[in-house]
Amino acid sequence: MFMAADSREVMNIRQASQYLGVSPDTLYKYVTEEKIPAFKLGNRWKFKKTILDQWMEQKSTMNMSGAKKKPKGAKTAGAR
C-alpha cells in the first residue's frame, strides 16, 4: 500500500509530462532551463507532485496578475 501512494507522489519524466499535459521533450527542456522544480535521483529526473502543484498554483496566480499587461498587441491592432 505504501508503495502505491509513494509512486503517485514522486513521478518520473513520463508521468510528470502526462500530469502537466506537455511532451517529455518539453519537460526535459524546462528542467534543464530550471523553469520547473525537479530533482535527480541517480541519473533520472524526478518530480514531486505536491511541489508541482504548488509551482502551478504560483504560476497561475502570477499569470492572472500579469493578464492586464498582456493585451498590448490588442491596443496596436485596434489603433488603426
PDB file of N, CA and C in Angstrom:
ATOM      1  N   MET A   1       0.818  -1.212   0.000  1.00  0.00           N
ATOM      2  CA  MET A   1       0.000   0.000   0.000  1.00  0.00           C
ATOM      3  C   MET A   1       0.855   1.268   0.000  1.00  0.00           C
ATOM      4  N   PHE A   2       1.875   1.301   0.849  1.00  0.00           N
ATOM      5  CA  PHE A   2       2.723   2.488   0.932  1.00  0.00           C
ATOM      6  C   PHE A   2       3.381   2.782  -0.400  1.00  0.00           C
ATOM      7  N   MET A   3       3.831   1.761  -1.099  1.00  0.00           N
ATOM      8  CA  MET A   3       4.499   1.956  -2.389  1.00  0.00           C
ATOM      9  C   MET A   3       3.569   2.611  -3.402  1.00  0.00           C
ATOM     10  N   ALA A   4       2.304   2.228  -3.421  1.00  0.00           N
ATOM     11  CA  ALA A   4       1.353   2.786  -4.380  1.00  0.00           C
ATOM     12  C   ALA A   4       1.157   4.279  -4.124  1.00  0.00           C
ATOM     13  N   ALA A   5       1.003   4.660  -2.873  1.00  0.00           N
ATOM     14  CA  ALA A   5       0.826   6.074  -2.538  1.00  0.00           C
ATOM     15  C   ALA A   5       2.099   6.849  -2.862  1.00  0.00           C
ATOM     16  N   ASP A   6       3.238   6.254  -2.568  1.00  0.00           N
ATOM     17  CA  ASP A   6       4.516   6.902  -2.808  1.00  0.00           C
ATOM     18  C   ASP A   6       4.769   7.082  -4.302  1.00  0.00           C
ATOM     19  N   SER A   7       4.389   6.099  -5.118  1.00  0.00           N
ATOM     20  CA  SER A   7       4.645   6.197  -6.553  1.00  0.00           C
ATOM     21  C   SER A   7       3.825   7.314  -7.181  1.00  0.00           C
ATOM     22  N   ARG A   8       2.695   7.661  -6.606  1.00  0.00           N
ATOM     23  CA  ARG A   8       1.896   8.776  -7.123  1.00  0.00           C
ATOM     24  C   ARG A   8       2.496  10.113  -6.706  1.00  0.00           C
ATOM     25  N   GLU A   9       3.157  10.146  -5.577  1.00  0.00           N
ATOM     26  CA  GLU A   9       3.739  11.398  -5.079  1.00  0.00           C
ATOM     27  C   GLU A   9       4.997  11.770  -5.857  1.00  0.00           C
ATOM     28  N   VAL A  10       5.830  10.794  -6.172  1.00  0.00           N
ATOM     29  CA  VAL A  10       7.060  11.056  -6.914  1.00  0.00           C
ATOM     30  C   VAL A  10       6.902  10.454  -8.306  1.00  0.00           C
ATOM     31  N   MET A  11       7.022  11.323  -9.311  1.00  0.00           N
ATOM     32  CA  MET A  11       6.780  10.896 -10.685  1.00  0.00           C
ATOM     33  C   MET A  11       8.066  10.954 -11.501  1.00  0.00           C
ATOM     34  N   ASN A  12       8.138  10.086 -12.502  1.00  0.00           N
ATOM     35  CA  ASN A  12       9.250  10.150 -13.448  1.00  0.00           C
ATOM     36  C   ASN A  12       8.877  11.138 -14.556  1.00  0.00           C
ATOM     37  N   ILE A  13       9.754  11.304 -15.510  1.00  0.00           N
ATOM     38  CA  ILE A  13       9.544  12.303 -16.563  1.00  0.00           C
ATOM     39  C   ILE A  13       8.275  12.014 -17.370  1.00  0.00           C
ATOM     40  N   ARG A  14       8.019  10.753 -17.667  1.00  0.00           N
ATOM     41  CA  ARG A  14       6.837  10.386 -18.450  1.00  0.00           C
ATOM     42  C   ARG A  14       5.551  10.685 -17.673  1.00  0.00           C
ATOM     43  N   GLN A  15       5.522  10.273 -16.413  1.00  0.00           N
ATOM     44  CA  GLN A  15       4.340  10.506 -15.584  1.00  0.00           C
ATOM     45  C   GLN A  15       4.097  12.001 -15.384  1.00  0.00           C
ATOM     46  N   ALA A  16       5.166  12.746 -15.128  1.00  0.00           N
ATOM     47  CA  ALA A  16       5.035  14.188 -14.905  1.00  0.00           C
ATOM     48  C   ALA A  16       4.598  14.901 -16.180  1.00  0.00           C
ATOM     49  N   SER A  17       5.097  14.462 -17.319  1.00  0.00           N
ATOM     50  CA  SER A  17       4.697  15.097 -18.579  1.00  0.00           C
ATOM     51  C   SER A  17       3.213  14.860 -18.846  1.00  0.00           C
ATOM     52  N   GLN A  18       2.724  13.670 -18.547  1.00  0.00           N
ATOM     53  CA  GLN A  18       1.295  13.384 -18.701  1.00  0.00           C
ATOM     54  C   GLN A  18       0.481  14.229 -17.716  1.00  0.00           C
ATOM     55  N   TYR A  19       0.950  14.312 -16.487  1.00  0.00           N
ATOM     56  CA  TYR A  19       0.256  15.076 -15.452  1.00  0.00           C
ATOM     57  C   TYR A  19       0.155  16.556 -15.836  1.00  0.00           C
ATOM     58  N   LEU A  20       1.236  17.095 -16.398  1.00  0.00           N
ATOM     59  CA  LEU A  20       1.273  18.509 -16.755  1.00  0.00           C
ATOM     60  C   LEU A  20       0.708  18.794 -18.150  1.00  0.00           C
ATOM     61  N   GLY A  21       0.547  17.751 -18.949  1.00  0.00           N
ATOM     62  CA  GLY A  21      -0.003  17.927 -20.286  1.00  0.00           C
ATOM     63  C   GLY A  21       0.990  18.479 -21.297  1.00  0.00           C
ATOM     64  N   VAL A  22       2.260  18.125 -21.121  1.00  0.00           N
ATOM     65  CA  VAL A  22       3.303  18.530 -22.075  1.00  0.00           C
ATOM     66  C   VAL A  22       4.069  17.281 -22.498  1.00  0.00           C
ATOM     67  N   SER A  23       4.796  17.380 -23.584  1.00  0.00           N
ATOM     68  CA  SER A  23       5.581  16.230 -24.036  1.00  0.00           C
ATOM     69  C   SER A  23       6.798  16.041 -23.125  1.00  0.00           C
ATOM     70  N   PRO A  24       7.312  14.813 -23.057  1.00  0.00           N
ATOM     71  CA  PRO A  24       8.533  14.585 -22.275  1.00  0.00           C
ATOM     72  C   PRO A  24       9.687  15.466 -22.748  1.00  0.00           C
ATOM     73  N   ASP A  25       9.804  15.690 -24.049  1.00  0.00           N
ATOM     74  CA  ASP A  25      10.871  16.550 -24.579  1.00  0.00           C
ATOM     75  C   ASP A  25      10.753  17.977 -24.049  1.00  0.00           C
ATOM     76  N   THR A  26       9.533  18.500 -24.031  1.00  0.00           N
ATOM     77  CA  THR A  26       9.300  19.846 -23.500  1.00  0.00           C
ATOM     78  C   THR A  26       9.649  19.896 -22.020  1.00  0.00           C
ATOM     79  N   LEU A  27       9.263  18.865 -21.290  1.00  0.00           N
ATOM     80  CA  LEU A  27       9.547  18.824 -19.857  1.00  0.00           C
ATOM     81  C   LEU A  27      11.055  18.771 -19.604  1.00  0.00           C
ATOM     82  N   TYR A  28      11.784  17.978 -20.382  1.00  0.00           N
ATOM     83  CA  TYR A  28      13.249  17.961 -20.271  1.00  0.00           C
ATOM     84  C   TYR A  28      13.816  19.359 -20.494  1.00  0.00           C
ATOM     85  N   LYS A  29      13.298  20.055 -21.483  1.00  0.00           N
ATOM     86  CA  LYS A  29      13.768  21.405 -21.780  1.00  0.00           C
ATOM     87  C   LYS A  29      13.527  22.329 -20.586  1.00  0.00           C
ATOM     88  N   TYR A  30      12.327  22.275 -20.014  1.00  0.00           N
ATOM     89  CA  TYR A  30      12.009  23.112 -18.853  1.00  0.00           C
ATOM     90  C   TYR A  30      12.921  22.799 -17.674  1.00  0.00           C
ATOM     91  N   VAL A  31      13.218  21.515 -17.475  1.00  0.00           N
ATOM     92  CA  VAL A  31      14.082  21.109 -16.363  1.00  0.00           C
ATOM     93  C   VAL A  31      15.493  21.648 -16.552  1.00  0.00           C
ATOM     94  N   THR A  32      16.027  21.495 -17.757  1.00  0.00           N
ATOM     95  CA  THR A  32      17.399  21.958 -17.994  1.00  0.00           C
ATOM     96  C   THR A  32      17.500  23.480 -17.941  1.00  0.00           C
ATOM     97  N   GLU A  33      16.412  24.174 -18.257  1.00  0.00           N
ATOM     98  CA  GLU A  33      16.385  25.635 -18.165  1.00  0.00           C
ATOM     99  C   GLU A  33      15.976  26.108 -16.766  1.00  0.00           C
ATOM    100  N   GLU A  34      15.787  25.158 -15.858  1.00  0.00           N
ATOM    101  CA  GLU A  34      15.389  25.428 -14.470  1.00  0.00           C
ATOM    102  C   GLU A  34      14.089  26.216 -14.392  1.00  0.00           C
ATOM    103  N   LYS A  35      13.158  25.912 -15.279  1.00  0.00           N
ATOM    104  CA  LYS A  35      11.859  26.578 -15.286  1.00  0.00           C
ATOM    105  C   LYS A  35      10.829  25.821 -14.456  1.00  0.00           C
ATOM    106  N   ILE A  36      11.154  24.598 -14.070  1.00  0.00           N
ATOM    107  CA  ILE A  36      10.208  23.753 -13.349  1.00  0.00           C
ATOM    108  C   ILE A  36      10.952  23.004 -12.246  1.00  0.00           C
ATOM    109  N   PRO A  37      10.338  22.832 -11.078  1.00  0.00           N
ATOM    110  CA  PRO A  37      11.033  22.160  -9.975  1.00  0.00           C
ATOM    111  C   PRO A  37      11.169  20.648 -10.206  1.00  0.00           C
ATOM    112  N   ALA A  38      12.373  20.159 -10.091  1.00  0.00           N
ATOM    113  CA  ALA A  38      12.662  18.731 -10.253  1.00  0.00           C
ATOM    114  C   ALA A  38      13.936  18.404  -9.496  1.00  0.00           C
ATOM    115  N   PHE A  39      14.169  17.130  -9.303  1.00  0.00           N
ATOM    116  CA  PHE A  39      15.412  16.706  -8.670  1.00  0.00           C
ATOM    117  C   PHE A  39      15.875  15.414  -9.322  1.00  0.00           C
ATOM    118  N   LYS A  40      17.152  15.152  -9.194  1.00  0.00           N
ATOM    119  CA  LYS A  40      17.704  13.934  -9.772  1.00  0.00           C
ATOM    120  C   LYS A  40      17.837  12.868  -8.700  1.00  0.00           C
ATOM    121  N   LEU A  41      17.413  11.671  -9.060  1.00  0.00           N
ATOM    122  CA  LEU A  41      17.603  10.504  -8.217  1.00  0.00           C
ATOM    123  C   LEU A  41      18.430   9.552  -9.070  1.00  0.00           C
ATOM    124  N   GLY A  42      19.713   9.431  -8.732  1.00  0.00           N
ATOM    125  CA  GLY A  42      20.633   8.728  -9.626  1.00  0.00           C
ATOM    126  C   GLY A  42      20.821   9.597 -10.856  1.00  0.00           C
ATOM    127  N   ASN A  43      20.561   9.037 -12.032  1.00  0.00           N
ATOM    128  CA  ASN A  43      20.687   9.841 -13.249  1.00  0.00           C
ATOM    129  C   ASN A  43      19.320  10.137 -13.872  1.00  0.00           C
ATOM    130  N   ARG A  44      18.261   9.987 -13.092  1.00  0.00           N
ATOM    131  CA  ARG A  44      16.901  10.200 -13.598  1.00  0.00           C
ATOM    132  C   ARG A  44      16.231  11.380 -12.909  1.00  0.00           C
ATOM    133  N   TRP A  45      15.538  12.184 -13.702  1.00  0.00           N
ATOM    134  CA  TRP A  45      14.790  13.306 -13.152  1.00  0.00           C
ATOM    135  C   TRP A  45      13.521  12.797 -12.489  1.00  0.00           C
ATOM    136  N   LYS A  46      13.212  13.367 -11.339  1.00  0.00           N
ATOM    137  CA  LYS A  46      12.000  13.026 -10.593  1.00  0.00           C
ATOM    138  C   LYS A  46      11.258  14.306 -10.254  1.00  0.00           C
ATOM    139  N   PHE A  47       9.960  14.176 -10.109  1.00  0.00           N
ATOM    140  CA  PHE A  47       9.082  15.312  -9.845  1.00  0.00           C
ATOM    141  C   PHE A  47       8.161  14.957  -8.699  1.00  0.00           C
ATOM    142  N   LYS A  48       8.104  15.813  -7.705  1.00  0.00           N
ATOM    143  CA  LYS A  48       7.222  15.575  -6.572  1.00  0.00           C
ATOM    144  C   LYS A  48       5.888  16.269  -6.849  1.00  0.00           C
ATOM    145  N   LYS A  49       4.814  15.508  -6.801  1.00  0.00           N
ATOM    146  CA  LYS A  49       3.504  16.015  -7.185  1.00  0.00           C
ATOM    147  C   LYS A  49       3.106  17.256  -6.380  1.00  0.00           C
ATOM    148  N   THR A  50       3.309  17.229  -5.080  1.00  0.00           N
ATOM    149  CA  THR A  50       2.907  18.380  -4.257  1.00  0.00           C
ATOM    150  C   THR A  50       3.694  19.633  -4.642  1.00  0.00           C
ATOM    151  N   ILE A  51       4.967  19.476  -4.992  1.00  0.00           N
ATOM    152  CA  ILE A  51       5.789  20.616  -5.412  1.00  0.00           C
ATOM    153  C   ILE A  51       5.312  21.137  -6.763  1.00  0.00           C
ATOM    154  N   LEU A  52       4.984  20.220  -7.685  1.00  0.00           N
ATOM    155  CA  LEU A  52       4.453  20.646  -8.990  1.00  0.00           C
ATOM    156  C   LEU A  52       3.129  21.385  -8.816  1.00  0.00           C
ATOM    157  N   ASP A  53       2.284  20.900  -7.916  1.00  0.00           N
ATOM    158  CA  ASP A  53       1.002  21.559  -7.665  1.00  0.00           C
ATOM    159  C   ASP A  53       1.219  22.976  -7.128  1.00  0.00           C
ATOM    160  N   GLN A  54       2.157  23.126  -6.208  1.00  0.00           N
ATOM    161  CA  GLN A  54       2.479  24.452  -5.667  1.00  0.00           C
ATOM    162  C   GLN A  54       3.032  25.358  -6.763  1.00  0.00           C
ATOM    163  N   TRP A  55       3.905  24.807  -7.596  1.00  0.00           N
ATOM    164  CA  TRP A  55       4.509  25.568  -8.692  1.00  0.00           C
ATOM    165  C   TRP A  55       3.432  26.039  -9.673  1.00  0.00           C
ATOM    166  N   MET A  56       2.503  25.138 -10.018  1.00  0.00           N
ATOM    167  CA  MET A  56       1.425  25.507 -10.947  1.00  0.00           C
ATOM    168  C   MET A  56       0.516  26.571 -10.339  1.00  0.00           C
ATOM    169  N   GLU A  57       0.235  26.453  -9.058  1.00  0.00           N
ATOM    170  CA  GLU A  57      -0.598  27.450  -8.376  1.00  0.00           C
ATOM    171  C   GLU A  57       0.082  28.812  -8.397  1.00  0.00           C
ATOM    172  N   GLN A  58       1.380  28.821  -8.119  1.00  0.00           N
ATOM    173  CA  GLN A  58       2.145  30.072  -8.137  1.00  0.00           C
ATOM    174  C   GLN A  58       2.164  30.676  -9.539  1.00  0.00           C
ATOM    175  N   LYS A  59       2.399  29.851 -10.547  1.00  0.00           N
ATOM    176  CA  LYS A  59       2.449  30.337 -11.934  1.00  0.00           C
ATOM    177  C   LYS A  59       1.091  30.855 -12.384  1.00  0.00           C
ATOM    178  N   SER A  60       0.020  30.161 -12.017  1.00  0.00           N
ATOM    179  CA  SER A  60      -1.315  30.606 -12.444  1.00  0.00           C
ATOM    180  C   SER A  60      -1.682  31.918 -11.764  1.00  0.00           C
ATOM    181  N   THR A  61      -1.253  32.105 -10.528  1.00  0.00           N
ATOM    182  CA  THR A  61      -1.503  33.358  -9.820  1.00  0.00           C
ATOM    183  C   THR A  61      -0.718  34.486 -10.463  1.00  0.00           C
ATOM    184  N   MET A  62       0.546  34.220 -10.835  1.00  0.00           N
ATOM    185  CA  MET A  62       1.370  35.232 -11.494  1.00  0.00           C
ATOM    186  C   MET A  62       0.781  35.606 -12.846  1.00  0.00           C
ATOM    187  N   ASN A  63       0.319  34.612 -13.605  1.00  0.00           N
ATOM    188  CA  ASN A  63      -0.255  34.870 -14.920  1.00  0.00           C
ATOM    189  C   ASN A  63      -1.531  35.685 -14.826  1.00  0.00           C
ATOM    190  N   MET A  64      -2.324  35.433 -13.805  1.00  0.00           N
ATOM    191  CA  MET A  64      -3.573  36.178 -13.654  1.00  0.00           C
ATOM    192  C   MET A  64      -3.292  37.642 -13.304  1.00  0.00           C
ATOM    193  N   SER A  65      -2.286  37.887 -12.486  1.00  0.00           N
ATOM    194  CA  SER A  65      -1.964  39.272 -12.126  1.00  0.00           C
ATOM    195  C   SER A  65      -1.318  39.997 -13.299  1.00  0.00           C
ATOM    196  N   GLY A  66      -0.628  39.256 -14.175  1.00  0.00           N
ATOM    197  CA  GLY A  66       0.007  39.852 -15.337  1.00  0.00           C
ATOM    198  C   GLY A  66      -0.905  39.924 -16.543  1.00  0.00           C
ATOM    199  N   ALA A  67      -2.121  39.406 -16.427  1.00  0.00           N
ATOM    200  CA  ALA A  67      -3.040  39.353 -17.567  1.00  0.00           C
ATOM    201  C   ALA A  67      -3.440  40.754 -18.045  1.00  0.00           C
ATOM    202  N   LYS A  68      -3.463  41.720 -17.142  1.00  0.00           N
ATOM    203  CA  LYS A  68      -3.850  43.084 -17.517  1.00  0.00           C
ATOM    204  C   LYS A  68      -2.808  43.724 -18.436  1.00  0.00           C
ATOM    205  N   LYS A  69      -1.557  43.295 -18.305  1.00  0.00           N
ATOM    206  CA  LYS A  69      -0.484  43.873 -19.105  1.00  0.00           C
ATOM    207  C   LYS A  69      -0.383  43.238 -20.489  1.00  0.00           C
ATOM    208  N   LYS A  70      -0.935  42.039 -20.664  1.00  0.00           N
ATOM    209  CA  LYS A  70      -0.768  41.305 -21.916  1.00  0.00           C
ATOM    210  C   LYS A  70      -1.408  41.949 -23.141  1.00  0.00           C
ATOM    211  N   PRO A  71      -2.613  42.489 -23.088  1.00  0.00           N
ATOM    212  CA  PRO A  71      -3.249  42.970 -24.321  1.00  0.00           C
ATOM    213  C   PRO A  71      -2.588  44.176 -24.978  1.00  0.00           C
ATOM    214  N   LYS A  72      -1.272  44.311 -24.918  1.00  0.00           N
ATOM    215  CA  LYS A  72      -0.594  45.392 -25.633  1.00  0.00           C
ATOM    216  C   LYS A  72      -0.774  45.233 -27.143  1.00  0.00           C
ATOM    217  N   GLY A  73      -0.704  44.002 -27.621  1.00  0.00           N
ATOM    218  CA  GLY A  73      -0.908  43.726 -29.038  1.00  0.00           C
ATOM    219  C   GLY A  73      -2.300  44.120 -29.496  1.00  0.00           C
ATOM    220  N   ALA A  74      -3.271  43.959 -28.621  1.00  0.00           N
ATOM    221  CA  ALA A  74      -4.658  44.300 -28.956  1.00  0.00           C
ATOM    222  C   ALA A  74      -4.805  45.808 -29.153  1.00  0.00           C
ATOM    223  N   LYS A  75      -4.073  46.593 -28.357  1.00  0.00           N
ATOM    224  CA  LYS A  75      -4.143  48.055 -28.494  1.00  0.00           C
ATOM    225  C   LYS A  75      -3.609  48.493 -29.853  1.00  0.00           C
ATOM    226  N   THR A  76      -2.467  47.948 -30.248  1.00  0.00           N
ATOM    227  CA  THR A  76      -1.866  48.366 -31.516  1.00  0.00           C
ATOM    228  C   THR A  76      -2.720  47.901 -32.692  1.00  0.00           C
ATOM    229  N   ALA A  77      -3.333  46.738 -32.571  1.00  0.00           N
ATOM    230  CA  ALA A  77      -4.164  46.224 -33.650  1.00  0.00           C
ATOM    231  C   ALA A  77      -5.452  47.040 -33.749  1.00  0.00           C
ATOM    232  N   GLY A  78      -5.986  47.475 -32.617  1.00  0.00           N
ATOM    233  CA  GLY A  78      -7.230  48.241 -32.621  1.00  0.00           C
ATOM    234  C   GLY A  78      -7.024  49.717 -32.865  1.00  0.00           C
ATOM    235  N   ALA A  79      -5.779  50.157 -32.894  1.00  0.00           N
ATOM    236  CA  ALA A  79      -5.483  51.597 -33.040  1.00  0.00           C
ATOM    237  C   ALA A  79      -5.555  52.067 -34.488  1.00  0.00           C
ATOM    238  N   ARG A  80      -5.786  51.178 -35.418  1.00  0.00           N
ATOM    239  CA  ARG A  80      -5.835  51.547 -36.835  1.00  0.00           C
ATOM    240  C   ARG A  80      -6.903  52.500 -37.109  1.00  0.00           C
TER     241      ARG A  80
END
